[in-house]
C-alpha atoms as a PDB file:
ATOM      1  CA  UNK A   1       0.026   0.110  -0.049  1.00  0.00           C
ATOM      2  CA  UNK A   2       2.750   2.450   0.889  1.00  0.00           C
ATOM      3  CA  UNK A   3       4.504   1.852  -2.433  1.00  0.00           C
ATOM      4  CA  UNK A   4       1.227   2.280  -4.312  1.00  0.00           C
ATOM      5  CA  UNK A   5       0.826   5.716  -2.669  1.00  0.00           C
ATOM      6  CA  UNK A   6       4.240   6.786  -3.146  1.00  0.00           C
ATOM      7  CA  UNK A   7       3.750   5.797  -6.789  1.00  0.00           C
ATOM      8  CA  UNK A   8       0.525   7.977  -7.201  1.00  0.00           C
ATOM      9  CA  UNK A   9       2.138  10.698  -5.594  1.00  0.00           C
ATOM     10  CA  UNK A  10       5.273  10.642  -7.858  1.00  0.00           C
ATOM     11  CA  UNK A  11       2.670  10.456 -10.616  1.00  0.00           C
ATOM     12  CA  UNK A  12       0.738  13.376  -9.270  1.00  0.00           C
ATOM     13  CA  UNK A  13       4.018  15.296  -8.898  1.00  0.00           C
ATOM     14  CA  UNK A  14       4.969  14.337 -12.420  1.00  0.00           C
ATOM     15  CA  UNK A  15       1.535  15.353 -14.150  1.00  0.00           C
ATOM     16  CA  UNK A  16       2.040  18.830 -12.059  1.00  0.00           C
ATOM     17  CA  UNK A  17       5.329  19.266 -13.480  1.00  0.00           C
ATOM     18  CA  UNK A  18       3.931  18.247 -16.901  1.00  0.00           C
ATOM     19  CA  UNK A  19       1.178  20.787 -16.534  1.00  0.00           C
ATOM     20  CA  UNK A  20       3.515  23.744 -15.487  1.00  0.00           C
ATOM     21  CA  UNK A  21       5.463  22.703 -18.596  1.00  0.00           C
ATOM     22  CA  UNK A  22       2.772  22.884 -20.735  1.00  0.00           C
ATOM     23  CA  UNK A  23       1.839  26.262 -19.274  1.00  0.00           C
ATOM     24  CA  UNK A  24       5.199  27.324 -20.056  1.00  0.00           C
ATOM     25  CA  UNK A  25       5.246  26.241 -23.551  1.00  0.00           C
ATOM     26  CA  UNK A  26       1.849  27.760 -24.012  1.00  0.00           C
ATOM     27  CA  UNK A  27       2.888  30.765 -22.652  1.00  0.00           C
ATOM     28  CA  UNK A  28       5.944  30.913 -24.978  1.00  0.00           C
ATOM     29  CA  UNK A  29       3.701  30.045 -27.962  1.00  0.00           C
ATOM     30  CA  UNK A  30       1.635  32.931 -26.954  1.00  0.00           C
ATOM     31  CA  UNK A  31       4.329  35.218 -26.859  1.00  0.00           C
ATOM     32  CA  UNK A  32       5.712  34.100 -30.213  1.00  0.00           C
ATOM     33  CA  UNK A  33       2.128  34.380 -31.705  1.00  0.00           C
ATOM     34  CA  UNK A  34       1.809  37.830 -30.329  1.00  0.00           C
ATOM     35  CA  UNK A  35       5.210  38.767 -31.853  1.00  0.00           C
ATOM     36  CA  UNK A  36       4.111  37.523 -35.170  1.00  0.00           C
ATOM     37  CA  UNK A  37       0.762  39.192 -35.067  1.00  0.00           C
ATOM     38  CA  UNK A  38       2.549  42.674 -33.975  1.00  0.00           C
ATOM     39  CA  UNK A  39       5.096  42.002 -37.242  1.00  0.00           C
ATOM     40  CA  UNK A  40       2.181  41.174 -39.528  1.00  0.00           C
ATOM     41  CA  UNK A  41      -0.032  43.875 -38.290  1.00  0.00           C
ATOM     42  CA  UNK A  42       2.650  46.502 -38.656  1.00  0.00           C
ATOM     43  CA  UNK A  43       3.322  46.103 -42.415  1.00  0.00           C
ATOM     44  CA  UNK A  44       1.502  45.932 -45.663  1.00  0.00           C
ATOM     45  CA  UNK A  45       3.463  42.662 -46.726  1.00  0.00           C
ATOM     46  CA  UNK A  46       5.181  40.451 -44.588  1.00  0.00           C
ATOM     47  CA  UNK A  47       7.375  37.247 -45.690  1.00  0.00           C
ATOM     48  CA  UNK A  48       8.603  34.638 -43.395  1.00  0.00           C
ATOM     49  CA  UNK A  49      11.342  33.103 -45.165  1.00  0.00           C
ATOM     50  CA  UNK A  50      14.803  30.863 -45.145  1.00  0.00           C
ATOM     51  CA  UNK A  51      17.758  32.108 -46.909  1.00  0.00           C
ATOM     52  CA  UNK A  52      18.214  28.717 -48.454  1.00  0.00           C
ATOM     53  CA  UNK A  53      14.752  28.282 -49.178  1.00  0.00           C
ATOM     54  CA  UNK A  54      14.345  28.407 -53.331  1.00  0.00           C
ATOM     55  CA  UNK A  55      10.385  29.243 -52.970  1.00  0.00           C
ATOM     56  CA  UNK A  56      11.201  31.700 -50.540  1.00  0.00           C
ATOM     57  CA  UNK A  57      13.417  33.248 -53.102  1.00  0.00           C
ATOM     58  CA  UNK A  58      10.739  33.116 -55.796  1.00  0.00           C
ATOM     59  CA  UNK A  59       8.091  34.684 -53.442  1.00  0.00           C
ATOM     60  CA  UNK A  60      10.538  37.635 -52.574  1.00  0.00           C
ATOM     61  CA  UNK A  61      11.735  38.297 -56.031  1.00  0.00           C
ATOM     62  CA  UNK A  62       8.118  38.411 -57.463  1.00  0.00           C
ATOM     63  CA  UNK A  63       6.985  40.859 -54.624  1.00  0.00           C
ATOM     64  CA  UNK A  64      10.044  42.881 -55.480  1.00  0.00           C
ATOM     65  CA  UNK A  65       9.612  42.779 -59.192  1.00  0.00           C
ATOM     66  CA  UNK A  66       6.042  44.233 -58.659  1.00  0.00           C
ATOM     67  CA  UNK A  67       7.653  47.189 -56.670  1.00  0.00           C
ATOM     68  CA  UNK A  68       6.693  45.785 -53.346  1.00  0.00           C
ATOM     69  CA  UNK A  69       9.001  46.245 -50.500  1.00  0.00           C
ATOM     70  CA  UNK A  70       7.987  43.681 -48.290  1.00  0.00           C
ATOM     71  CA  UNK A  71       9.215  43.130 -44.618  1.00  0.00           C
ATOM     72  CA  UNK A  72      11.267  39.719 -44.761  1.00  0.00           C
ATOM     73  CA  UNK A  73      11.626  37.957 -41.678  1.00  0.00           C
ATOM     74  CA  UNK A  74      14.683  35.601 -41.935  1.00  0.00           C
ATOM     75  CA  UNK A  75      14.075  32.397 -39.737  1.00  0.00           C
ATOM     76  CA  UNK A  76      17.274  31.132 -40.293  1.00  0.00           C
ATOM     77  CA  UNK A  77      19.447  33.794 -38.640  1.00  0.00           C
ATOM     78  CA  UNK A  78      20.788  33.417 -35.400  1.00  0.00           C
ATOM     79  CA  UNK A  79      17.998  34.140 -32.924  1.00  0.00           C
ATOM     80  CA  UNK A  80      16.834  31.141 -30.767  1.00  0.00           C
ATOM     81  CA  UNK A  81      13.309  31.689 -31.141  1.00  0.00           C
ATOM     82  CA  UNK A  82      13.104  30.818 -34.742  1.00  0.00           C
ATOM     83  CA  UNK A  83      11.627  27.278 -34.047  1.00  0.00           C
ATOM     84  CA  UNK A  84       9.107  28.656 -32.013  1.00  0.00           C
ATOM     85  CA  UNK A  85       8.115  31.163 -34.732  1.00  0.00           C
ATOM     86  CA  UNK A  86       8.068  28.454 -37.180  1.00  0.00           C
ATOM     87  CA  UNK A  87       5.597  26.317 -35.030  1.00  0.00           C
ATOM     88  CA  UNK A  88       3.382  29.490 -34.949  1.00  0.00           C
ATOM     89  CA  UNK A  89       3.373  29.794 -38.531  1.00  0.00           C
ATOM     90  CA  UNK A  90       2.684  26.119 -39.142  1.00  0.00           C
ATOM     91  CA  UNK A  91      -0.400  26.550 -36.475  1.00  0.00           C
ATOM     92  CA  UNK A  92      -1.723  29.602 -38.328  1.00  0.00           C
ATOM     93  CA  UNK A  93      -1.298  28.161 -41.824  1.00  0.00           C
ATOM     94  CA  UNK A  94      -2.190  24.527 -41.191  1.00  0.00           C
ATOM     95  CA  UNK A  95       0.265  23.650 -44.106  1.00  0.00           C
ATOM     96  CA  UNK A  96       2.989  20.966 -43.947  1.00  0.00           C
ATOM     97  CA  UNK A  97       5.665  23.519 -45.248  1.00  0.00           C
ATOM     98  CA  UNK A  98       4.675  26.879 -43.693  1.00  0.00           C
ATOM     99  CA  UNK A  99       7.508  28.942 -45.321  1.00  0.00           C
ATOM    100  CA  UNK A 100       7.016  31.162 -47.246  1.00  0.00           C
ATOM    101  CA  UNK A 101       4.590  32.443 -45.214  1.00  0.00           C
ATOM    102  CA  UNK A 102       3.039  35.579 -46.953  1.00  0.00           C
ATOM    103  CA  UNK A 103       0.784  38.069 -45.231  1.00  0.00           C
ATOM    104  CA  UNK A 104      -0.711  41.014 -46.894  1.00  0.00           C
ATOM    105  CA  UNK A 105      -2.825  43.619 -45.287  1.00  0.00           C
ATOM    106  CA  UNK A 106      -2.212  41.768 -41.945  1.00  0.00           C
ATOM    107  CA  UNK A 107      -4.118  38.624 -43.442  1.00  0.00           C
ATOM    108  CA  UNK A 108      -2.451  35.149 -44.348  1.00  0.00           C
ATOM    109  CA  UNK A 109      -2.320  35.062 -48.043  1.00  0.00           C
ATOM    110  CA  UNK A 110      -0.611  31.409 -48.129  1.00  0.00           C
ATOM    111  CA  UNK A 111       2.588  30.158 -49.292  1.00  0.00           C
ATOM    112  CA  UNK A 112       4.109  30.183 -52.773  1.00  0.00           C
ATOM    113  CA  UNK A 113       1.266  28.483 -54.311  1.00  0.00           C
ATOM    114  CA  UNK A 114      -1.024  31.022 -53.216  1.00  0.00           C
ATOM    115  CA  UNK A 115       1.118  33.804 -54.218  1.00  0.00           C
ATOM    116  CA  UNK A 116       1.628  32.626 -57.534  1.00  0.00           C
ATOM    117  CA  UNK A 117      -2.043  31.595 -58.128  1.00  0.00           C
ATOM    118  CA  UNK A 118      -2.850  35.234 -57.182  1.00  0.00           C
ATOM    119  CA  UNK A 119      -0.528  36.669 -59.590  1.00  0.00           C
ATOM    120  CA  UNK A 120      -1.721  34.625 -62.219  1.00  0.00           C
ATOM    121  CA  UNK A 121      -5.367  35.216 -61.940  1.00  0.00           C
ATOM    122  CA  UNK A 122      -4.580  38.887 -61.586  1.00  0.00           C
ATOM    123  CA  UNK A 123      -5.859  39.307 -57.967  1.00  0.00           C
ATOM    124  CA  UNK A 124      -2.517  39.853 -56.484  1.00  0.00           C
ATOM    125  CA  UNK A 125      -1.817  43.592 -57.639  1.00  0.00           C
ATOM    126  CA  UNK A 126      -5.522  44.740 -56.364  1.00  0.00           C
ATOM    127  CA  UNK A 127      -4.720  42.912 -53.147  1.00  0.00           C
ATOM    128  CA  UNK A 128      -1.576  44.709 -52.625  1.00  0.00           C
ATOM    129  CA  UNK A 129      -2.828  48.230 -53.693  1.00  0.00           C
ATOM    130  CA  UNK A 130      -5.731  47.459 -51.005  1.00  0.00           C
ATOM    131  CA  UNK A 131      -2.893  46.683 -48.487  1.00  0.00           C
ATOM    132  CA  UNK A 132      -1.389  49.913 -49.181  1.00  0.00           C
ATOM    133  CA  UNK A 133       1.886  47.954 -50.477  1.00  0.00           C
ATOM    134  CA  UNK A 134       1.542  49.492 -54.100  1.00  0.00           C
ATOM    135  CA  UNK A 135       0.372  53.124 -54.930  1.00  0.00           C
ATOM    136  CA  UNK A 136       0.185  52.961 -58.791  1.00  0.00           C
END
């Protein structure tokens, strides 16, 4: 009986520690979510990118060629929070590969597929104008 109580007590302590760890993880995720939200809300166009990602390069080149100066967040820099930011982007996008993640006018446009589809069907430029990223 004593060992069972001791084991249950240990499990209760372990569960309490896991809950505290989950709370810390949740707080970290909420902090990262707030950072992403602040960056996205502060610029007309934001691109979350990786330096060595060819699709990220294509997305940035397309936007620059249209005359847009997006805010580019390179997630492979030496900042320690990049993994958490990628986790937030994954949750927000619901996509397997969340990069590049492109936000226009504070709203998630999508990845490279959505950006290219919008460009091809002619809806990208009006969207960029509406967001204030293009003036002409």
